[in-house]
Amino acid sequence: MGSLSIWHWLIVLLVVVMIFGTKKLRNMGSDLGGAVKGFKDGMKDGASTDAPTAAGPNAQVSGNSTTDKTTIDVEARQKS
């Protein structure tokens, strides 16, 4: 009684198909597959965007401010 045989699984599958219908099961399967694919793509995008930000603080700042219009160039002076 501990494990289910193939016949038990077939009966359960038949009951599920009768309750939900094949169209709804197909839609649920495609939605689940799309969600998994979106998650994997998101993980790939997250890994590729994390690499430049990790090197950002150690990178040397260039003096060319013509490419980035949001950067403000200031000169820090020590208080005497």
PDB file of N, CA and C in Angstrom:
ATOM      1  N   MET A   1       0.819  -1.188   0.000  1.00  0.00           N
ATOM      2  CA  MET A   1       0.000   0.000   0.000  1.00  0.00           C
ATOM      3  C   MET A   1       0.862   1.252   0.000  1.00  0.00           C
ATOM      4  N   GLY A   2       2.158   1.144   0.235  1.00  0.00           N
ATOM      5  CA  GLY A   2       3.027   2.308   0.320  1.00  0.00           C
ATOM      6  C   GLY A   2       3.268   2.989  -1.007  1.00  0.00           C
ATOM      7  N   SER A   3       3.390   2.205  -2.084  1.00  0.00           N
ATOM      8  CA  SER A   3       3.642   2.820  -3.381  1.00  0.00           C
ATOM      9  C   SER A   3       2.463   2.583  -4.312  1.00  0.00           C
ATOM     10  N   LEU A   4       2.291   3.488  -5.260  1.00  0.00           N
ATOM     11  CA  LEU A   4       1.191   3.373  -6.202  1.00  0.00           C
ATOM     12  C   LEU A   4       1.684   2.707  -7.483  1.00  0.00           C
ATOM     13  N   SER A   5       0.882   1.836  -8.017  1.00  0.00           N
ATOM     14  CA  SER A   5       1.251   1.147  -9.251  1.00  0.00           C
ATOM     15  C   SER A   5       0.899   2.012 -10.452  1.00  0.00           C
ATOM     16  N   ILE A   6       1.227   1.548 -11.638  1.00  0.00           N
ATOM     17  CA  ILE A   6       0.951   2.288 -12.863  1.00  0.00           C
ATOM     18  C   ILE A   6      -0.556   2.441 -13.062  1.00  0.00           C
ATOM     19  N   TRP A   7      -1.331   1.465 -12.618  1.00  0.00           N
ATOM     20  CA  TRP A   7      -2.789   1.524 -12.779  1.00  0.00           C
ATOM     21  C   TRP A   7      -3.390   2.621 -11.912  1.00  0.00           C
ATOM     22  N   HIS A   8      -2.854   2.810 -10.720  1.00  0.00           N
ATOM     23  CA  HIS A   8      -3.326   3.899  -9.859  1.00  0.00           C
ATOM     24  C   HIS A   8      -3.071   5.252 -10.517  1.00  0.00           C
ATOM     25  N   TRP A   9      -1.868   5.422 -11.079  1.00  0.00           N
ATOM     26  CA  TRP A   9      -1.525   6.687 -11.739  1.00  0.00           C
ATOM     27  C   TRP A   9      -2.393   6.926 -12.972  1.00  0.00           C
ATOM     28  N   LEU A  10      -2.701   5.890 -13.728  1.00  0.00           N
ATOM     29  CA  LEU A  10      -3.562   6.033 -14.903  1.00  0.00           C
ATOM     30  C   LEU A  10      -4.974   6.458 -14.511  1.00  0.00           C
ATOM     31  N   ILE A  11      -5.486   5.911 -13.433  1.00  0.00           N
ATOM     32  CA  ILE A  11      -6.818   6.297 -12.958  1.00  0.00           C
ATOM     33  C   ILE A  11      -6.816   7.748 -12.485  1.00  0.00           C
ATOM     34  N   VAL A  12      -5.778   8.143 -11.773  1.00  0.00           N
ATOM     35  CA  VAL A  12      -5.671   9.535 -11.320  1.00  0.00           C
ATOM     36  C   VAL A  12      -5.587  10.471 -12.520  1.00  0.00           C
ATOM     37  N   LEU A  13      -4.802  10.112 -13.539  1.00  0.00           N
ATOM     38  CA  LEU A  13      -4.681  10.924 -14.746  1.00  0.00           C
ATOM     39  C   LEU A  13      -6.019  11.031 -15.464  1.00  0.00           C
ATOM     40  N   LEU A  14      -6.759   9.937 -15.550  1.00  0.00           N
ATOM     41  CA  LEU A  14      -8.059   9.943 -16.197  1.00  0.00           C
ATOM     42  C   LEU A  14      -9.038  10.865 -15.460  1.00  0.00           C
ATOM     43  N   VAL A  15      -9.034  10.823 -14.143  1.00  0.00           N
ATOM     44  CA  VAL A  15      -9.921  11.674 -13.347  1.00  0.00           C
ATOM     45  C   VAL A  15      -9.554  13.149 -13.537  1.00  0.00           C
ATOM     46  N   VAL A  16      -8.254  13.462 -13.558  1.00  0.00           N
ATOM     47  CA  VAL A  16      -7.815  14.843 -13.748  1.00  0.00           C
ATOM     48  C   VAL A  16      -8.238  15.350 -15.119  1.00  0.00           C
ATOM     49  N   VAL A  17      -8.078  14.531 -16.153  1.00  0.00           N
ATOM     50  CA  VAL A  17      -8.480  14.927 -17.505  1.00  0.00           C
ATOM     51  C   VAL A  17      -9.992  15.129 -17.572  1.00  0.00           C
ATOM     52  N   MET A  18     -10.739  14.290 -16.886  1.00  0.00           N
ATOM     53  CA  MET A  18     -12.195  14.440 -16.904  1.00  0.00           C
ATOM     54  C   MET A  18     -12.628  15.712 -16.179  1.00  0.00           C
ATOM     55  N   ILE A  19     -11.935  16.083 -15.123  1.00  0.00           N
ATOM     56  CA  ILE A  19     -12.307  17.271 -14.353  1.00  0.00           C
ATOM     57  C   ILE A  19     -11.915  18.543 -15.097  1.00  0.00           C
ATOM     58  N   PHE A  20     -10.667  18.651 -15.526  1.00  0.00           N
ATOM     59  CA  PHE A  20     -10.164  19.890 -16.110  1.00  0.00           C
ATOM     60  C   PHE A  20     -10.342  19.963 -17.625  1.00  0.00           C
ATOM     61  N   GLY A  21     -10.307  18.866 -18.309  1.00  0.00           N
ATOM     62  CA  GLY A  21     -10.381  18.884 -19.768  1.00  0.00           C
ATOM     63  C   GLY A  21      -8.996  19.039 -20.373  1.00  0.00           C
ATOM     64  N   THR A  22      -8.858  18.571 -21.601  1.00  0.00           N
ATOM     65  CA  THR A  22      -7.534  18.584 -22.223  1.00  0.00           C
ATOM     66  C   THR A  22      -7.102  19.994 -22.617  1.00  0.00           C
ATOM     67  N   LYS A  23      -8.029  20.849 -23.015  1.00  0.00           N
ATOM     68  CA  LYS A  23      -7.665  22.197 -23.434  1.00  0.00           C
ATOM     69  C   LYS A  23      -7.107  23.008 -22.268  1.00  0.00           C
ATOM     70  N   LYS A  24      -7.761  22.924 -21.133  1.00  0.00           N
ATOM     71  CA  LYS A  24      -7.287  23.671 -19.964  1.00  0.00           C
ATOM     72  C   LYS A  24      -5.945  23.123 -19.480  1.00  0.00           C
ATOM     73  N   LEU A  25      -5.774  21.812 -19.522  1.00  0.00           N
ATOM     74  CA  LEU A  25      -4.488  21.230 -19.119  1.00  0.00           C
ATOM     75  C   LEU A  25      -3.373  21.654 -20.073  1.00  0.00           C
ATOM     76  N   ARG A  26      -3.671  21.721 -21.378  1.00  0.00           N
ATOM     77  CA  ARG A  26      -2.674  22.149 -22.354  1.00  0.00           C
ATOM     78  C   ARG A  26      -2.291  23.605 -22.115  1.00  0.00           C
ATOM     79  N   ASN A  27      -3.281  24.448 -21.826  1.00  0.00           N
ATOM     80  CA  ASN A  27      -2.997  25.861 -21.552  1.00  0.00           C
ATOM     81  C   ASN A  27      -2.175  26.034 -20.280  1.00  0.00           C
ATOM     82  N   MET A  28      -2.501  25.267 -19.262  1.00  0.00           N
ATOM     83  CA  MET A  28      -1.742  25.348 -18.014  1.00  0.00           C
ATOM     84  C   MET A  28      -0.306  24.895 -18.240  1.00  0.00           C
ATOM     85  N   GLY A  29      -0.111  23.856 -19.051  1.00  0.00           N
ATOM     86  CA  GLY A  29       1.233  23.371 -19.343  1.00  0.00           C
ATOM     87  C   GLY A  29       2.050  24.390 -20.112  1.00  0.00           C
ATOM     88  N   SER A  30       1.445  25.042 -21.099  1.00  0.00           N
ATOM     89  CA  SER A  30       2.186  26.041 -21.869  1.00  0.00           C
ATOM     90  C   SER A  30       2.481  27.274 -21.020  1.00  0.00           C
ATOM     91  N   ASP A  31       1.567  27.658 -20.139  1.00  0.00           N
ATOM     92  CA  ASP A  31       1.814  28.788 -19.235  1.00  0.00           C
ATOM     93  C   ASP A  31       2.958  28.481 -18.273  1.00  0.00           C
ATOM     94  N   LEU A  32       2.973  27.260 -17.765  1.00  0.00           N
ATOM     95  CA  LEU A  32       4.045  26.864 -16.854  1.00  0.00           C
ATOM     96  C   LEU A  32       5.383  26.835 -17.578  1.00  0.00           C
ATOM     97  N   GLY A  33       5.395  26.324 -18.809  1.00  0.00           N
ATOM     98  CA  GLY A  33       6.634  26.306 -19.591  1.00  0.00           C
ATOM     99  C   GLY A  33       7.127  27.700 -19.906  1.00  0.00           C
ATOM    100  N   GLY A  34       6.210  28.621 -20.225  1.00  0.00           N
ATOM    101  CA  GLY A  34       6.600  30.002 -20.482  1.00  0.00           C
ATOM    102  C   GLY A  34       7.147  30.685 -19.244  1.00  0.00           C
ATOM    103  N   ALA A  35       6.569  30.365 -18.098  1.00  0.00           N
ATOM    104  CA  ALA A  35       7.055  30.954 -16.845  1.00  0.00           C
ATOM    105  C   ALA A  35       8.460  30.459 -16.522  1.00  0.00           C
ATOM    106  N   VAL A  36       8.716  29.172 -16.738  1.00  0.00           N
ATOM    107  CA  VAL A  36      10.047  28.620 -16.477  1.00  0.00           C
ATOM    108  C   VAL A  36      11.068  29.241 -17.429  1.00  0.00           C
ATOM    109  N   LYS A  37      10.694  29.395 -18.708  1.00  0.00           N
ATOM    110  CA  LYS A  37      11.598  29.999 -19.683  1.00  0.00           C
ATOM    111  C   LYS A  37      11.883  31.452 -19.326  1.00  0.00           C
ATOM    112  N   GLY A  38      10.864  32.194 -18.918  1.00  0.00           N
ATOM    113  CA  GLY A  38      11.059  33.577 -18.498  1.00  0.00           C
ATOM    114  C   GLY A  38      11.954  33.681 -17.276  1.00  0.00           C
ATOM    115  N   PHE A  39      11.812  32.757 -16.350  1.00  0.00           N
ATOM    116  CA  PHE A  39      12.656  32.749 -15.160  1.00  0.00           C
ATOM    117  C   PHE A  39      14.108  32.499 -15.527  1.00  0.00           C
ATOM    118  N   LYS A  40      14.347  31.536 -16.426  1.00  0.00           N
ATOM    119  CA  LYS A  40      15.720  31.240 -16.853  1.00  0.00           C
ATOM    120  C   LYS A  40      16.332  32.425 -17.585  1.00  0.00           C
ATOM    121  N   ASP A  41      15.557  33.088 -18.448  1.00  0.00           N
ATOM    122  CA  ASP A  41      16.064  34.262 -19.154  1.00  0.00           C
ATOM    123  C   ASP A  41      16.368  35.388 -18.175  1.00  0.00           C
ATOM    124  N   GLY A  42      15.532  35.548 -17.174  1.00  0.00           N
ATOM    125  CA  GLY A  42      15.770  36.560 -16.158  1.00  0.00           C
ATOM    126  C   GLY A  42      17.027  36.288 -15.356  1.00  0.00           C
ATOM    127  N   MET A  43      17.282  35.031 -15.078  1.00  0.00           N
ATOM    128  CA  MET A  43      18.499  34.678 -14.347  1.00  0.00           C
ATOM    129  C   MET A  43      19.737  34.945 -15.202  1.00  0.00           C
ATOM    130  N   LYS A  44      19.650  34.689 -16.512  1.00  0.00           N
ATOM    131  CA  LYS A  44      20.781  34.976 -17.406  1.00  0.00           C
ATOM    132  C   LYS A  44      21.020  36.473 -17.483  1.00  0.00           C
ATOM    133  N   ASP A  45      19.953  37.269 -17.613  1.00  0.00           N
ATOM    134  CA  ASP A  45      20.086  38.718 -17.691  1.00  0.00           C
ATOM    135  C   ASP A  45      20.631  39.282 -16.381  1.00  0.00           C
ATOM    136  N   GLY A  46      20.190  38.752 -15.274  1.00  0.00           N
ATOM    137  CA  GLY A  46      20.664  39.219 -13.977  1.00  0.00           C
ATOM    138  C   GLY A  46      22.140  38.923 -13.778  1.00  0.00           C
ATOM    139  N   ALA A  47      22.602  37.778 -14.254  1.00  0.00           N
ATOM    140  CA  ALA A  47      24.010  37.427 -14.103  1.00  0.00           C
ATOM    141  C   ALA A  47      24.884  38.297 -14.990  1.00  0.00           C
ATOM    142  N   SER A  48      24.414  38.651 -16.175  1.00  0.00           N
ATOM    143  CA  SER A  48      25.233  39.463 -17.083  1.00  0.00           C
ATOM    144  C   SER A  48      25.261  40.921 -16.641  1.00  0.00           C
ATOM    145  N   THR A  49      24.221  41.430 -16.000  1.00  0.00           N
ATOM    146  CA  THR A  49      24.231  42.825 -15.559  1.00  0.00           C
ATOM    147  C   THR A  49      24.939  42.992 -14.225  1.00  0.00           C
ATOM    148  N   ASP A  50      25.099  41.941 -13.437  1.00  0.00           N
ATOM    149  CA  ASP A  50      25.797  42.046 -12.162  1.00  0.00           C
ATOM    150  C   ASP A  50      27.303  42.170 -12.349  1.00  0.00           C
ATOM    151  N   ALA A  51      27.864  41.618 -13.401  1.00  0.00           N
ATOM    152  CA  ALA A  51      29.305  41.626 -13.606  1.00  0.00           C
ATOM    153  C   ALA A  51      29.867  43.039 -13.762  1.00  0.00           C
ATOM    154  N   PRO A  52      29.296  43.937 -14.579  1.00  0.00           N
ATOM    155  CA  PRO A  52      29.866  45.287 -14.698  1.00  0.00           C
ATOM    156  C   PRO A  52      29.717  46.111 -13.427  1.00  0.00           C
ATOM    157  N   THR A  53      28.667  45.933 -12.672  1.00  0.00           N
ATOM    158  CA  THR A  53      28.490  46.725 -11.466  1.00  0.00           C
ATOM    159  C   THR A  53      29.468  46.294 -10.385  1.00  0.00           C
ATOM    160  N   ALA A  54      29.891  45.045 -10.392  1.00  0.00           N
ATOM    161  CA  ALA A  54      30.857  44.596  -9.401  1.00  0.00           C
ATOM    162  C   ALA A  54      32.224  45.211  -9.675  1.00  0.00           C
ATOM    163  N   ALA A  55      32.565  45.448 -10.945  1.00  0.00           N
ATOM    164  CA  ALA A  55      33.843  46.037 -11.291  1.00  0.00           C
ATOM    165  C   ALA A  55      33.776  47.563 -11.273  1.00  0.00           C
ATOM    166  N   GLY A  56      32.598  48.136 -11.123  1.00  0.00           N
ATOM    167  CA  GLY A  56      32.410  49.580 -11.177  1.00  0.00           C
ATOM    168  C   GLY A  56      33.218  50.363 -10.153  1.00  0.00           C
ATOM    169  N   PRO A  57      33.211  50.033  -8.864  1.00  0.00           N
ATOM    170  CA  PRO A  57      33.960  50.817  -7.883  1.00  0.00           C
ATOM    171  C   PRO A  57      35.469  50.730  -8.087  1.00  0.00           C
ATOM    172  N   ASN A  58      35.982  49.655  -8.646  1.00  0.00           N
ATOM    173  CA  ASN A  58      37.410  49.493  -8.845  1.00  0.00           C
ATOM    174  C   ASN A  58      37.877  50.090 -10.162  1.00  0.00           C
ATOM    175  N   ALA A  59      36.952  50.440 -11.037  1.00  0.00           N
ATOM    176  CA  ALA A  59      37.318  50.960 -12.349  1.00  0.00           C
ATOM    177  C   ALA A  59      37.787  52.408 -12.217  1.00  0.00           C
ATOM    178  N   GLN A  60      38.689  52.822 -13.122  1.00  0.00           N
ATOM    179  CA  GLN A  60      39.199  54.182 -13.123  1.00  0.00           C
ATOM    180  C   GLN A  60      38.192  55.100 -13.803  1.00  0.00           C
ATOM    181  N   VAL A  61      37.975  56.275 -13.228  1.00  0.00           N
ATOM    182  CA  VAL A  61      37.020  57.224 -13.773  1.00  0.00           C
ATOM    183  C   VAL A  61      37.703  58.002 -14.881  1.00  0.00           C
ATOM    184  N   SER A  62      37.061  58.079 -16.040  1.00  0.00           N
ATOM    185  CA  SER A  62      37.642  58.831 -17.146  1.00  0.00           C
ATOM    186  C   SER A  62      37.181  60.279 -17.083  1.00  0.00           C
ATOM    187  N   GLY A  63      37.937  61.175 -17.702  1.00  0.00           N
ATOM    188  CA  GLY A  63      37.620  62.588 -17.692  1.00  0.00           C
ATOM    189  C   GLY A  63      36.707  63.004 -18.832  1.00  0.00           C
ATOM    190  N   ASN A  64      36.274  62.081 -19.668  1.00  0.00           N
ATOM    191  CA  ASN A  64      35.438  62.410 -20.813  1.00  0.00           C
ATOM    192  C   ASN A  64      33.981  62.462 -20.380  1.00  0.00           C
ATOM    193  N   SER A  65      33.428  63.655 -20.254  1.00  0.00           N
ATOM    194  CA  SER A  65      32.043  63.800 -19.817  1.00  0.00           C
ATOM    195  C   SER A  65      31.106  64.098 -20.976  1.00  0.00           C
ATOM    196  N   THR A  66      31.613  64.045 -22.229  1.00  0.00           N
ATOM    197  CA  THR A  66      30.758  64.344 -23.370  1.00  0.00           C
ATOM    198  C   THR A  66      29.807  63.198 -23.678  1.00  0.00           C
ATOM    199  N   THR A  67      30.153  61.966 -23.309  1.00  0.00           N
ATOM    200  CA  THR A  67      29.283  60.833 -23.602  1.00  0.00           C
ATOM    201  C   THR A  67      28.179  60.687 -22.576  1.00  0.00           C
ATOM    202  N   ASP A  68      28.438  61.059 -21.331  1.00  0.00           N
ATOM    203  CA  ASP A  68      27.440  60.911 -20.271  1.00  0.00           C
ATOM    204  C   ASP A  68      27.028  62.297 -19.792  1.00  0.00           C
ATOM    205  N   LYS A  69      25.857  62.744 -20.152  1.00  0.00           N
ATOM    206  CA  LYS A  69      25.382  64.086 -19.815  1.00  0.00           C
ATOM    207  C   LYS A  69      24.853  64.173 -18.388  1.00  0.00           C
ATOM    208  N   THR A  70      24.708  63.043 -17.680  1.00  0.00           N
ATOM    209  CA  THR A  70      24.183  63.081 -16.326  1.00  0.00           C
ATOM    210  C   THR A  70      25.283  63.221 -15.280  1.00  0.00           C
ATOM    211  N   THR A  71      26.553  63.164 -15.696  1.00  0.00           N
ATOM    212  CA  THR A  71      27.658  63.249 -14.756  1.00  0.00           C
ATOM    213  C   THR A  71      27.989  64.714 -14.487  1.00  0.00           C
ATOM    214  N   ILE A  72      28.186  65.060 -13.231  1.00  0.00           N
ATOM    215  CA  ILE A  72      28.557  66.414 -12.839  1.00  0.00           C
ATOM    216  C   ILE A  72      30.010  66.391 -12.445  1.00  0.00           C
ATOM    217  N   ASP A  73      30.809  67.229 -13.085  1.00  0.00           N
ATOM    218  CA  ASP A  73      32.244  67.288 -12.807  1.00  0.00           C
ATOM    219  C   ASP A  73      32.490  68.333 -11.725  1.00  0.00           C
ATOM    220  N   VAL A  74      33.032  67.925 -10.593  1.00  0.00           N
ATOM    221  CA  VAL A  74      33.300  68.842  -9.496  1.00  0.00           C
ATOM    222  C   VAL A  74      34.735  68.639  -9.026  1.00  0.00           C
ATOM    223  N   GLU A  75      35.257  69.646  -8.366  1.00  0.00           N
ATOM    224  CA  GLU A  75      36.613  69.559  -7.814  1.00  0.00           C
ATOM    225  C   GLU A  75      36.508  69.624  -6.300  1.00  0.00           C
ATOM    226  N   ALA A  76      37.034  68.621  -5.626  1.00  0.00           N
ATOM    227  CA  ALA A  76      36.979  68.595  -4.177  1.00  0.00           C
ATOM    228  C   ALA A  76      38.180  69.327  -3.615  1.00  0.00           C
ATOM    229  N   ARG A  77      37.968  70.230  -2.658  1.00  0.00           N
ATOM    230  CA  ARG A  77      39.043  70.978  -2.029  1.00  0.00           C
ATOM    231  C   ARG A  77      39.026  70.694  -0.542  1.00  0.00           C
ATOM    232  N   GLN A  78      40.210  70.667   0.024  1.00  0.00           N
ATOM    233  CA  GLN A  78      40.303  70.443   1.459  1.00  0.00           C
ATOM    234  C   GLN A  78      40.083  71.768   2.188  1.00  0.00           C
ATOM    235  N   LYS A  79      39.443  71.665   3.320  1.00  0.00           N
ATOM    236  CA  LYS A  79      39.186  72.842   4.146  1.00  0.00           C
ATOM    237  C   LYS A  79      40.461  73.161   4.921  1.00  0.00           C
ATOM    238  N   SER A  80      40.876  74.401   4.883  1.00  0.00           N
ATOM    239  CA  SER A  80      42.116  74.761   5.608  1.00  0.00           C
ATOM    240  C   SER A  80      41.847  75.383   6.942  1.00  0.00           C
TER     241      SER A  80
END
